[in-house]
């Protein structure tokens, strides 16, 4: 069997999850309690910033941090809380939203255009570099 393209898999996944535009995410942030989770790598957050107030859960640890039975559990993941994930361009976050749904989270979406879409819409970006202990070596 030939290897499936990851881009095709992402597009398939997006048909089965909730995809939010920047405007839709902004409306939710203005009207309800939303856990916004940045699943990009730490260096992406530090280099580029993040959506203000977003929690960081790197993609490789997401399921472990979301599982209340895991020693890595983060209390901000709550079963019935609205969760919106984002990555750089919407691919990783689509797969991550599906994974959380598969775990039993029922109110999960992702920012379809990703952080790049947030930036392109001229939305506010939190400067993570100012508060992070992580530094890029030259």
Protein backbone atom coordinates (compact mmCIF):
# COMPACT_ATOMS: atom_id res chain seq x y z
CA UNK A 1 0.00 0.00 0.00
CA UNK A 2 1.48 3.39 -0.93
CA UNK A 3 2.14 6.00 1.74
CA UNK A 4 -0.68 8.56 2.03
CA UNK A 5 0.24 12.20 1.69
CA UNK A 6 0.10 14.01 5.02
CA UNK A 7 -1.57 16.93 3.24
CA UNK A 8 -4.36 14.67 2.02
CA UNK A 9 -4.73 13.23 5.50
CA UNK A 10 -4.99 16.73 6.99
CA UNK A 11 -7.69 17.67 4.47
CA UNK A 12 -9.62 14.47 5.29
CA UNK A 13 -9.33 15.26 8.99
CA UNK A 14 -10.59 18.81 8.51
CA UNK A 15 -13.86 17.40 7.15
CA UNK A 16 -14.47 15.67 10.49
CA UNK A 17 -13.55 18.46 12.93
CA UNK A 18 -14.60 22.02 13.65
CA UNK A 19 -12.52 24.55 11.71
CA UNK A 20 -12.57 28.15 12.96
CA UNK A 21 -11.64 31.31 11.09
CA UNK A 22 -9.77 34.11 12.85
CA UNK A 23 -13.03 36.08 13.11
CA UNK A 24 -14.86 33.10 14.63
CA UNK A 25 -12.12 32.56 17.22
CA UNK A 26 -12.15 36.27 18.10
CA UNK A 27 -15.93 36.16 18.59
CA UNK A 28 -15.59 33.15 20.90
CA UNK A 29 -12.83 34.83 22.90
CA UNK A 30 -15.09 37.85 23.38
CA UNK A 31 -18.12 35.85 24.48
CA UNK A 32 -17.08 32.77 26.44
CA UNK A 33 -14.39 30.92 28.37
CA UNK A 34 -12.11 29.30 25.80
CA UNK A 35 -8.89 27.39 26.37
CA UNK A 36 -6.66 28.38 23.45
CA UNK A 37 -3.73 25.99 23.06
CA UNK A 38 -0.62 26.68 21.01
CA UNK A 39 0.75 23.29 19.93
CA UNK A 40 3.76 24.65 18.07
CA UNK A 41 7.29 23.92 19.22
CA UNK A 42 8.68 26.21 21.91
CA UNK A 43 11.12 27.89 19.53
CA UNK A 44 8.23 28.82 17.21
CA UNK A 45 6.44 30.56 20.11
CA UNK A 46 9.56 32.39 21.22
CA UNK A 47 10.58 33.45 17.72
CA UNK A 48 7.14 34.53 16.49
CA UNK A 49 4.99 35.13 19.55
CA UNK A 50 1.59 33.64 20.25
CA UNK A 51 -2.11 34.45 20.55
CA UNK A 52 -2.51 36.41 23.80
CA UNK A 53 -3.40 34.14 26.71
CA UNK A 54 -2.75 30.90 24.83
CA UNK A 55 -1.41 27.98 26.84
CA UNK A 56 1.46 26.00 25.38
CA UNK A 57 1.22 22.24 24.89
CA UNK A 58 3.73 21.03 22.30
CA UNK A 59 2.20 18.62 19.80
CA UNK A 60 4.37 15.76 21.00
CA UNK A 61 3.01 16.05 24.56
CA UNK A 62 -0.59 17.15 23.92
CA UNK A 63 -2.37 13.88 24.64
CA UNK A 64 -0.22 13.24 27.71
CA UNK A 65 -0.93 16.71 29.09
CA UNK A 66 -4.67 16.35 28.37
CA UNK A 67 -5.07 12.92 29.99
CA UNK A 68 -6.13 13.23 33.65
CA UNK A 69 -4.60 9.79 34.33
CA UNK A 70 -1.19 10.82 33.02
CA UNK A 71 1.60 12.03 35.32
CA UNK A 72 2.02 14.89 32.81
CA UNK A 73 -1.60 16.11 33.13
CA UNK A 74 -2.22 19.87 33.06
CA UNK A 75 -5.29 20.97 35.03
CA UNK A 76 -6.32 23.52 32.42
CA UNK A 77 -7.50 20.63 30.23
CA UNK A 78 -11.02 19.95 31.44
CA UNK A 79 -13.37 17.45 29.84
CA UNK A 80 -16.23 19.87 29.14
CA UNK A 81 -14.24 23.06 28.50
CA UNK A 82 -14.16 24.63 25.05
CA UNK A 83 -10.70 23.99 23.57
CA UNK A 84 -9.31 25.65 20.44
CA UNK A 85 -5.95 24.50 19.15
CA UNK A 86 -3.61 26.22 16.74
CA UNK A 87 -0.27 25.63 15.06
CA UNK A 88 1.60 27.56 12.38
CA UNK A 89 -0.67 26.88 9.40
CA UNK A 90 -3.48 24.58 10.57
CA UNK A 91 -2.14 21.11 9.73
CA UNK A 92 -0.81 19.93 13.07
CA UNK A 93 -3.73 21.50 14.93
CA UNK A 94 -6.26 19.69 12.74
CA UNK A 95 -4.65 16.35 13.57
CA UNK A 96 -4.40 17.36 17.24
CA UNK A 97 -8.09 18.34 17.39
CA UNK A 98 -9.00 14.92 16.03
CA UNK A 99 -6.75 13.25 18.61
CA UNK A 100 -8.45 15.11 21.49
CA UNK A 101 -11.83 14.16 20.05
CA UNK A 102 -10.71 10.53 19.90
CA UNK A 103 -9.75 10.82 23.59
CA UNK A 104 -13.31 11.93 24.46
CA UNK A 105 -13.10 15.71 24.49
CA UNK A 106 -16.36 16.90 22.95
CA UNK A 107 -15.91 20.65 22.48
CA UNK A 108 -12.73 20.95 20.42
CA UNK A 109 -11.91 23.03 17.36
CA UNK A 110 -8.82 24.38 15.67
CA UNK A 111 -7.85 27.67 14.07
CA UNK A 112 -7.95 26.67 10.40
CA UNK A 113 -5.52 29.31 9.05
CA UNK A 114 -3.19 28.80 12.03
CA UNK A 115 -1.03 31.41 13.67
CA UNK A 116 -0.01 32.70 10.23
CA UNK A 117 -3.66 33.53 9.57
CA UNK A 118 -3.84 35.30 12.94
CA UNK A 119 -0.79 37.39 12.03
CA UNK A 120 -2.07 38.07 8.49
CA UNK A 121 -5.30 39.42 10.02
CA UNK A 122 -3.17 41.90 12.01
CA UNK A 123 -4.38 40.52 15.33
CA UNK A 124 -2.50 41.16 18.56
CA UNK A 125 0.50 38.92 19.16
CA UNK A 126 1.94 38.25 22.61
CA UNK A 127 5.73 38.61 22.75
CA UNK A 128 6.85 35.33 24.30
CA UNK A 129 10.54 36.20 23.96
CA UNK A 130 10.17 38.83 26.70
CA UNK A 131 9.16 36.25 29.33
CA UNK A 132 10.70 32.98 28.12
CA UNK A 133 13.82 31.45 29.63
CA UNK A 134 14.47 29.68 26.32
CA UNK A 135 17.03 31.41 24.12
CA UNK A 136 18.19 30.59 20.62
CA UNK A 137 21.93 30.04 20.43
CA UNK A 138 23.73 31.87 17.68
